[in-house]
Amino acid sequence: MNFRGSTGYGRRFWEASFGQWGLSMQDDITD
C-alpha cells in the first residue's frame, strides 16, 4: 500500500505524514 506520505499523490497527501510515524501512517497499513 502507498500509505500517506508516499510520493506521487500530491503535496497534501505527502504532508499528511508529517509527525505521523507510528500513528496515522501506521493506521493506513492497519486499515
PDB file of all heavy atoms in Angstrom:
ATOM      1  N   MET A   1       0.841  -1.201   0.000  1.00  0.00           N
ATOM      2  CA  MET A   1       0.000   0.000   0.000  1.00  0.00           C
ATOM      3  C   MET A   1       0.875   1.251   0.000  1.00  0.00           C
ATOM      4  O   MET A   1       1.953   1.289   0.588  1.00  0.00           O
ATOM      5  CB  MET A   1      -0.942   0.020   1.206  1.00  0.00           C
ATOM      6  CG  MET A   1      -0.279   0.266   2.540  1.00  0.00           C
ATOM      7  SD  MET A   1       0.715  -1.115   3.137  1.00  0.00           S
ATOM      8  CE  MET A   1      -0.593  -2.291   3.472  1.00  0.00           C
ATOM      9  N   ASN A   2       0.371   2.267  -0.675  1.00  0.00           N
ATOM     10  CA  ASN A   2       1.020   3.571  -0.656  1.00  0.00           C
ATOM     11  C   ASN A   2       0.332   4.439   0.395  1.00  0.00           C
ATOM     12  O   ASN A   2      -0.542   5.246   0.098  1.00  0.00           O
ATOM     13  CB  ASN A   2       0.979   4.207  -2.048  1.00  0.00           C
ATOM     14  CG  ASN A   2       1.933   3.506  -2.996  1.00  0.00           C
ATOM     15  OD1 ASN A   2       3.035   3.138  -2.627  1.00  0.00           O
ATOM     16  ND2 ASN A   2       1.496   3.302  -4.225  1.00  0.00           N
ATOM     17  N   PHE A   3       0.755   4.205   1.639  1.00  0.00           N
ATOM     18  CA  PHE A   3       0.205   4.918   2.796  1.00  0.00           C
ATOM     19  C   PHE A   3       0.494   6.421   2.668  1.00  0.00           C
ATOM     20  O   PHE A   3       1.304   6.847   1.845  1.00  0.00           O
ATOM     21  CB  PHE A   3       0.816   4.354   4.084  1.00  0.00           C
ATOM     22  CG  PHE A   3       2.304   4.137   3.981  1.00  0.00           C
ATOM     23  CD1 PHE A   3       3.204   5.191   4.104  1.00  0.00           C
ATOM     24  CD2 PHE A   3       2.823   2.870   3.725  1.00  0.00           C
ATOM     25  CE1 PHE A   3       4.573   4.996   3.992  1.00  0.00           C
ATOM     26  CE2 PHE A   3       4.192   2.663   3.610  1.00  0.00           C
ATOM     27  CZ  PHE A   3       5.061   3.738   3.741  1.00  0.00           C
ATOM     28  N   ARG A   4      -0.157   7.217   3.498  1.00  0.00           N
ATOM     29  CA  ARG A   4       0.050   8.670   3.447  1.00  0.00           C
ATOM     30  C   ARG A   4       1.546   8.983   3.605  1.00  0.00           C
ATOM     31  O   ARG A   4       2.260   8.324   4.370  1.00  0.00           O
ATOM     32  CB  ARG A   4      -0.773   9.387   4.514  1.00  0.00           C
ATOM     33  CG  ARG A   4      -0.311   9.190   5.948  1.00  0.00           C
ATOM     34  CD  ARG A   4      -1.333   9.750   6.917  1.00  0.00           C
ATOM     35  NE  ARG A   4      -2.556   8.934   6.886  1.00  0.00           N
ATOM     36  CZ  ARG A   4      -3.742   9.376   7.277  1.00  0.00           C
ATOM     37  NH1 ARG A   4      -3.887  10.601   7.753  1.00  0.00           N
ATOM     38  NH2 ARG A   4      -4.794   8.578   7.207  1.00  0.00           N
ATOM     39  N   GLY A   5       1.992   9.966   2.830  1.00  0.00           N
ATOM     40  CA  GLY A   5       3.413  10.268   2.776  1.00  0.00           C
ATOM     41  C   GLY A   5       4.082   9.682   1.559  1.00  0.00           C
ATOM     42  O   GLY A   5       5.154  10.148   1.151  1.00  0.00           O
ATOM     43  N   SER A   6       3.480   8.658   0.956  1.00  0.00           N
ATOM     44  CA  SER A   6       4.027   8.097  -0.274  1.00  0.00           C
ATOM     45  C   SER A   6       4.028   9.175  -1.355  1.00  0.00           C
ATOM     46  O   SER A   6       3.097   9.971  -1.470  1.00  0.00           O
ATOM     47  CB  SER A   6       3.199   6.897  -0.737  1.00  0.00           C
ATOM     48  OG  SER A   6       3.184   5.875   0.244  1.00  0.00           O
ATOM     49  N   THR A   7       5.072   9.189  -2.141  1.00  0.00           N
ATOM     50  CA  THR A   7       5.203  10.231  -3.144  1.00  0.00           C
ATOM     51  C   THR A   7       4.384   9.902  -4.383  1.00  0.00           C
ATOM     52  O   THR A   7       4.038   8.753  -4.642  1.00  0.00           O
ATOM     53  CB  THR A   7       6.672  10.423  -3.531  1.00  0.00           C
ATOM     54  OG1 THR A   7       7.229   9.155  -3.903  1.00  0.00           O
ATOM     55  CG2 THR A   7       7.471  10.977  -2.364  1.00  0.00           C
ATOM     56  N   GLY A   8       4.101  10.947  -5.149  1.00  0.00           N
ATOM     57  CA  GLY A   8       3.373  10.784  -6.396  1.00  0.00           C
ATOM     58  C   GLY A   8       1.917  11.175  -6.322  1.00  0.00           C
ATOM     59  O   GLY A   8       1.265  11.328  -7.356  1.00  0.00           O
ATOM     60  N   TYR A   9       1.392  11.379  -5.099  1.00  0.00           N
ATOM     61  CA  TYR A   9      -0.032  11.657  -4.927  1.00  0.00           C
ATOM     62  C   TYR A   9      -0.303  13.101  -4.509  1.00  0.00           C
ATOM     63  O   TYR A   9      -1.392  13.416  -4.037  1.00  0.00           O
ATOM     64  CB  TYR A   9      -0.628  10.692  -3.904  1.00  0.00           C
ATOM     65  CG  TYR A   9      -0.529   9.249  -4.335  1.00  0.00           C
ATOM     66  CD1 TYR A   9       0.491   8.431  -3.870  1.00  0.00           C
ATOM     67  CD2 TYR A   9      -1.441   8.711  -5.235  1.00  0.00           C
ATOM     68  CE1 TYR A   9       0.594   7.108  -4.276  1.00  0.00           C
ATOM     69  CE2 TYR A   9      -1.350   7.386  -5.641  1.00  0.00           C
ATOM     70  CZ  TYR A   9      -0.323   6.591  -5.156  1.00  0.00           C
ATOM     71  OH  TYR A   9      -0.228   5.286  -5.568  1.00  0.00           O
ATOM     72  N   GLY A  10       0.681  13.963  -4.671  1.00  0.00           N
ATOM     73  CA  GLY A  10       0.475  15.370  -4.378  1.00  0.00           C
ATOM     74  C   GLY A  10       1.001  15.778  -3.018  1.00  0.00           C
ATOM     75  O   GLY A  10       1.324  14.964  -2.155  1.00  0.00           O
ATOM     76  N   ARG A  11       1.102  17.111  -2.873  1.00  0.00           N
ATOM     77  CA  ARG A  11       1.696  17.670  -1.665  1.00  0.00           C
ATOM     78  C   ARG A  11       0.853  17.395  -0.428  1.00  0.00           C
ATOM     79  O   ARG A  11       1.395  17.066   0.635  1.00  0.00           O
ATOM     80  CB  ARG A  11       1.866  19.179  -1.846  1.00  0.00           C
ATOM     81  CG  ARG A  11       2.612  19.836  -0.692  1.00  0.00           C
ATOM     82  CD  ARG A  11       2.387  21.332  -0.595  1.00  0.00           C
ATOM     83  NE  ARG A  11       2.495  21.982  -1.888  1.00  0.00           N
ATOM     84  CZ  ARG A  11       2.796  23.269  -2.029  1.00  0.00           C
ATOM     85  NH1 ARG A  11       3.032  24.002  -0.964  1.00  0.00           N
ATOM     86  NH2 ARG A  11       2.836  23.820  -3.216  1.00  0.00           N
ATOM     87  N   ARG A  12      -0.465  17.521  -0.519  1.00  0.00           N
ATOM     88  CA  ARG A  12      -1.304  17.336   0.674  1.00  0.00           C
ATOM     89  C   ARG A  12      -1.188  15.918   1.216  1.00  0.00           C
ATOM     90  O   ARG A  12      -1.131  15.718   2.438  1.00  0.00           O
ATOM     91  CB  ARG A  12      -2.764  17.677   0.348  1.00  0.00           C
ATOM     92  CG  ARG A  12      -3.037  19.166   0.180  1.00  0.00           C
ATOM     93  CD  ARG A  12      -4.531  19.468   0.095  1.00  0.00           C
ATOM     94  NE  ARG A  12      -5.124  18.905  -1.111  1.00  0.00           N
ATOM     95  CZ  ARG A  12      -5.179  19.538  -2.277  1.00  0.00           C
ATOM     96  NH1 ARG A  12      -4.659  20.748  -2.406  1.00  0.00           N
ATOM     97  NH2 ARG A  12      -5.750  18.970  -3.329  1.00  0.00           N
ATOM     98  N   PHE A  13      -1.163  14.932   0.330  1.00  0.00           N
ATOM     99  CA  PHE A  13      -1.046  13.538   0.764  1.00  0.00           C
ATOM    100  C   PHE A  13       0.310  13.302   1.421  1.00  0.00           C
ATOM    101  O   PHE A  13       0.423  12.574   2.410  1.00  0.00           O
ATOM    102  CB  PHE A  13      -1.228  12.611  -0.443  1.00  0.00           C
ATOM    103  CG  PHE A  13      -1.384  11.163  -0.097  1.00  0.00           C
ATOM    104  CD1 PHE A  13      -2.592  10.660   0.351  1.00  0.00           C
ATOM    105  CD2 PHE A  13      -0.315  10.283  -0.233  1.00  0.00           C
ATOM    106  CE1 PHE A  13      -2.740   9.315   0.676  1.00  0.00           C
ATOM    107  CE2 PHE A  13      -0.449   8.938   0.083  1.00  0.00           C
ATOM    108  CZ  PHE A  13      -1.665   8.459   0.539  1.00  0.00           C
ATOM    109  N   TRP A  14       1.347  13.922   0.880  1.00  0.00           N
ATOM    110  CA  TRP A  14       2.694  13.810   1.456  1.00  0.00           C
ATOM    111  C   TRP A  14       2.748  14.478   2.824  1.00  0.00           C
ATOM    112  O   TRP A  14       3.239  13.907   3.795  1.00  0.00           O
ATOM    113  CB  TRP A  14       3.674  14.446   0.477  1.00  0.00           C
ATOM    114  CG  TRP A  14       5.084  14.605   0.946  1.00  0.00           C
ATOM    115  CD1 TRP A  14       5.952  13.618   1.284  1.00  0.00           C
ATOM    116  CD2 TRP A  14       5.799  15.835   1.105  1.00  0.00           C
ATOM    117  NE1 TRP A  14       7.179  14.155   1.644  1.00  0.00           N
ATOM    118  CE2 TRP A  14       7.093  15.507   1.538  1.00  0.00           C
ATOM    119  CE3 TRP A  14       5.465  17.173   0.913  1.00  0.00           C
ATOM    120  CZ2 TRP A  14       8.066  16.483   1.786  1.00  0.00           C
ATOM    121  CZ3 TRP A  14       6.430  18.142   1.153  1.00  0.00           C
ATOM    122  CH2 TRP A  14       7.709  17.794   1.593  1.00  0.00           C
ATOM    123  N   GLU A  15       2.201  15.699   2.919  1.00  0.00           N
ATOM    124  CA  GLU A  15       2.247  16.430   4.181  1.00  0.00           C
ATOM    125  C   GLU A  15       1.437  15.748   5.275  1.00  0.00           C
ATOM    126  O   GLU A  15       1.708  15.943   6.470  1.00  0.00           O
ATOM    127  CB  GLU A  15       1.737  17.855   3.978  1.00  0.00           C
ATOM    128  CG  GLU A  15       2.674  18.741   3.180  1.00  0.00           C
ATOM    129  CD  GLU A  15       2.131  20.148   3.017  1.00  0.00           C
ATOM    130  OE1 GLU A  15       1.013  20.421   3.532  1.00  0.00           O
ATOM    131  OE2 GLU A  15       2.810  20.975   2.387  1.00  0.00           O
ATOM    132  N   ALA A  16       0.451  14.941   4.884  1.00  0.00           N
ATOM    133  CA  ALA A  16      -0.373  14.247   5.880  1.00  0.00           C
ATOM    134  C   ALA A  16       0.437  13.261   6.708  1.00  0.00           C
ATOM    135  O   ALA A  16      -0.037  12.782   7.738  1.00  0.00           O
ATOM    136  CB  ALA A  16      -1.535  13.529   5.192  1.00  0.00           C
ATOM    137  N   SER A  17       1.678  12.974   6.271  1.00  0.00           N
ATOM    138  CA  SER A  17       2.528  12.029   7.011  1.00  0.00           C
ATOM    139  C   SER A  17       3.401  12.711   8.054  1.00  0.00           C
ATOM    140  O   SER A  17       4.023  12.026   8.878  1.00  0.00           O
ATOM    141  CB  SER A  17       3.435  11.281   6.029  1.00  0.00           C
ATOM    142  OG  SER A  17       4.429  12.147   5.485  1.00  0.00           O
ATOM    143  N   PHE A  18       3.467  14.032   8.051  1.00  0.00           N
ATOM    144  CA  PHE A  18       4.409  14.716   8.931  1.00  0.00           C
ATOM    145  C   PHE A  18       4.046  14.457  10.394  1.00  0.00           C
ATOM    146  O   PHE A  18       2.905  14.654  10.816  1.00  0.00           O
ATOM    147  CB  PHE A  18       4.413  16.214   8.665  1.00  0.00           C
ATOM    148  CG  PHE A  18       4.983  16.611   7.316  1.00  0.00           C
ATOM    149  CD1 PHE A  18       5.430  15.652   6.417  1.00  0.00           C
ATOM    150  CD2 PHE A  18       5.089  17.936   6.961  1.00  0.00           C
ATOM    151  CE1 PHE A  18       5.954  16.007   5.185  1.00  0.00           C
ATOM    152  CE2 PHE A  18       5.619  18.308   5.737  1.00  0.00           C
ATOM    153  CZ  PHE A  18       6.043  17.347   4.845  1.00  0.00           C
ATOM    154  N   GLY A  19       5.033  13.995  11.135  1.00  0.00           N
ATOM    155  CA  GLY A  19       4.821  13.701  12.547  1.00  0.00           C
ATOM    156  C   GLY A  19       3.958  12.486  12.802  1.00  0.00           C
ATOM    157  O   GLY A  19       3.468  12.305  13.926  1.00  0.00           O
ATOM    158  N   GLN A  20       3.797  11.625  11.799  1.00  0.00           N
ATOM    159  CA  GLN A  20       2.837  10.525  11.917  1.00  0.00           C
ATOM    160  C   GLN A  20       3.469   9.137  11.838  1.00  0.00           C
ATOM    161  O   GLN A  20       2.756   8.162  11.619  1.00  0.00           O
ATOM    162  CB  GLN A  20       1.750  10.678  10.854  1.00  0.00           C
ATOM    163  CG  GLN A  20       0.880  11.919  11.029  1.00  0.00           C
ATOM    164  CD  GLN A  20       0.166  11.910  12.376  1.00  0.00           C
ATOM    165  OE1 GLN A  20      -0.482  10.936  12.745  1.00  0.00           O
ATOM    166  NE2 GLN A  20       0.300  13.000  13.130  1.00  0.00           N
ATOM    167  N   TRP A  21       4.793   9.041  12.005  1.00  0.00           N
ATOM    168  CA  TRP A  21       5.392   7.706  12.101  1.00  0.00           C
ATOM    169  C   TRP A  21       4.774   6.989  13.305  1.00  0.00           C
ATOM    170  O   TRP A  21       4.727   7.524  14.410  1.00  0.00           O
ATOM    171  CB  TRP A  21       6.900   7.812  12.295  1.00  0.00           C
ATOM    172  CG  TRP A  21       7.687   8.193  11.076  1.00  0.00           C
ATOM    173  CD1 TRP A  21       7.360   9.121  10.148  1.00  0.00           C
ATOM    174  CD2 TRP A  21       8.953   7.650  10.680  1.00  0.00           C
ATOM    175  NE1 TRP A  21       8.341   9.208   9.192  1.00  0.00           N
ATOM    176  CE2 TRP A  21       9.337   8.314   9.496  1.00  0.00           C
ATOM    177  CE3 TRP A  21       9.799   6.678  11.214  1.00  0.00           C
ATOM    178  CZ2 TRP A  21      10.537   8.035   8.830  1.00  0.00           C
ATOM    179  CZ3 TRP A  21      10.994   6.404  10.558  1.00  0.00           C
ATOM    180  CH2 TRP A  21      11.355   7.067   9.380  1.00  0.00           C
ATOM    181  N   GLY A  22       4.295   5.791  13.075  1.00  0.00           N
ATOM    182  CA  GLY A  22       3.701   5.010  14.162  1.00  0.00           C
ATOM    183  C   GLY A  22       2.292   5.432  14.520  1.00  0.00           C
ATOM    184  O   GLY A  22       1.669   4.814  15.390  1.00  0.00           O
ATOM    185  N   LEU A  23       1.763   6.454  13.862  1.00  0.00           N
ATOM    186  CA  LEU A  23       0.416   6.953  14.166  1.00  0.00           C
ATOM    187  C   LEU A  23      -0.469   6.770  12.935  1.00  0.00           C
ATOM    188  O   LEU A  23      -0.767   5.647  12.566  1.00  0.00           O
ATOM    189  CB  LEU A  23       0.504   8.410  14.639  1.00  0.00           C
ATOM    190  CG  LEU A  23       1.366   8.608  15.905  1.00  0.00           C
ATOM    191  CD1 LEU A  23       1.603  10.080  16.189  1.00  0.00           C
ATOM    192  CD2 LEU A  23       0.722   7.925  17.092  1.00  0.00           C
ATOM    193  N   SER A  24      -0.891   7.849  12.261  1.00  0.00           N
ATOM    194  CA  SER A  24      -1.825   7.668  11.146  1.00  0.00           C
ATOM    195  C   SER A  24      -1.182   6.958   9.962  1.00  0.00           C
ATOM    196  O   SER A  24      -1.878   6.282   9.191  1.00  0.00           O
ATOM    197  CB  SER A  24      -2.402   9.018  10.712  1.00  0.00           C
ATOM    198  OG  SER A  24      -1.394   9.895  10.261  1.00  0.00           O
ATOM    199  N   MET A  25       0.146   7.091   9.785  1.00  0.00           N
ATOM    200  CA  MET A  25       0.806   6.308   8.733  1.00  0.00           C
ATOM    201  C   MET A  25       0.645   4.823   9.008  1.00  0.00           C
ATOM    202  O   MET A  25       0.403   4.028   8.094  1.00  0.00           O
ATOM    203  CB  MET A  25       2.293   6.676   8.642  1.00  0.00           C
ATOM    204  CG  MET A  25       2.563   8.091   8.156  1.00  0.00           C
ATOM    205  SD  MET A  25       4.312   8.539   8.294  1.00  0.00           S
ATOM    206  CE  MET A  25       5.008   7.618   6.924  1.00  0.00           C
ATOM    207  N   GLN A  26       0.777   4.451  10.272  1.00  0.00           N
ATOM    208  CA  GLN A  26       0.612   3.044  10.648  1.00  0.00           C
ATOM    209  C   GLN A  26      -0.855   2.634  10.555  1.00  0.00           C
ATOM    210  O   GLN A  26      -1.171   1.496  10.167  1.00  0.00           O
ATOM    211  CB  GLN A  26       1.137   2.818  12.064  1.00  0.00           C
ATOM    212  CG  GLN A  26       1.378   1.359  12.396  1.00  0.00           C
ATOM    213  CD  GLN A  26       2.528   0.761  11.603  1.00  0.00           C
ATOM    214  OE1 GLN A  26       3.492   1.446  11.290  1.00  0.00           O
ATOM    215  NE2 GLN A  26       2.440  -0.520  11.276  1.00  0.00           N
ATOM    216  N   ASP A  27      -1.761   3.568  10.876  1.00  0.00           N
ATOM    217  CA  ASP A  27      -3.188   3.272  10.744  1.00  0.00           C
ATOM    218  C   ASP A  27      -3.548   2.924   9.300  1.00  0.00           C
ATOM    219  O   ASP A  27      -4.401   2.057   9.056  1.00  0.00           O
ATOM    220  CB  ASP A  27      -4.029   4.469  11.199  1.00  0.00           C
ATOM    221  CG  ASP A  27      -3.964   4.711  12.697  1.00  0.00           C
ATOM    222  OD1 ASP A  27      -3.574   3.788  13.434  1.00  0.00           O
ATOM    223  OD2 ASP A  27      -4.302   5.833  13.120  1.00  0.00           O
ATOM    224  N   ASP A  28      -2.917   3.619   8.334  1.00  0.00           N
ATOM    225  CA  ASP A  28      -3.190   3.308   6.931  1.00  0.00           C
ATOM    226  C   ASP A  28      -2.843   1.859   6.605  1.00  0.00           C
ATOM    227  O   ASP A  28      -3.535   1.202   5.824  1.00  0.00           O
ATOM    228  CB  ASP A  28      -2.387   4.233   6.017  1.00  0.00           C
ATOM    229  CG  ASP A  28      -2.850   5.679   6.080  1.00  0.00           C
ATOM    230  OD1 ASP A  28      -3.942   5.932   6.611  1.00  0.00           O
ATOM    231  OD2 ASP A  28      -2.100   6.554   5.600  1.00  0.00           O
ATOM    232  N   ILE A  29      -1.764   1.363   7.206  1.00  0.00           N
ATOM    233  CA  ILE A  29      -1.369  -0.026   6.989  1.00  0.00           C
ATOM    234  C   ILE A  29      -2.356  -0.967   7.682  1.00  0.00           C
ATOM    235  O   ILE A  29      -2.821  -1.954   7.091  1.00  0.00           O
ATOM    236  CB  ILE A  29       0.072  -0.244   7.500  1.00  0.00           C
ATOM    237  CG1 ILE A  29       1.050   0.641   6.713  1.00  0.00           C
ATOM    238  CG2 ILE A  29       0.464  -1.718   7.403  1.00  0.00           C
ATOM    239  CD1 ILE A  29       2.440   0.706   7.313  1.00  0.00           C
ATOM    240  N   THR A  30      -2.690  -0.640   8.915  1.00  0.00           N
ATOM    241  CA  THR A  30      -3.660  -1.448   9.656  1.00  0.00           C
ATOM    242  C   THR A  30      -5.000  -1.496   8.930  1.00  0.00           C
ATOM    243  O   THR A  30      -5.643  -2.555   8.836  1.00  0.00           O
ATOM    244  CB  THR A  30      -3.852  -0.877  11.071  1.00  0.00           C
ATOM    245  OG1 THR A  30      -2.580  -0.851  11.741  1.00  0.00           O
ATOM    246  CG2 THR A  30      -4.833  -1.714  11.875  1.00  0.00           C
ATOM    247  N   ASP A  31      -5.425  -0.342   8.383  1.00  0.00           N
ATOM    248  CA  ASP A  31      -6.692  -0.315   7.654  1.00  0.00           C
ATOM    249  C   ASP A  31      -6.626  -1.197   6.408  1.00  0.00           C
ATOM    250  O   ASP A  31      -7.637  -1.790   6.006  1.00  0.00           O
ATOM    251  CB  ASP A  31      -7.044   1.120   7.264  1.00  0.00           C
ATOM    252  CG  ASP A  31      -7.395   1.982   8.465  1.00  0.00           C
ATOM    253  OD1 ASP A  31      -7.583   1.424   9.565  1.00  0.00           O
ATOM    254  OD2 ASP A  31      -7.468   3.219   8.309  1.00  0.00           O
TER     255      ASP A  31
END
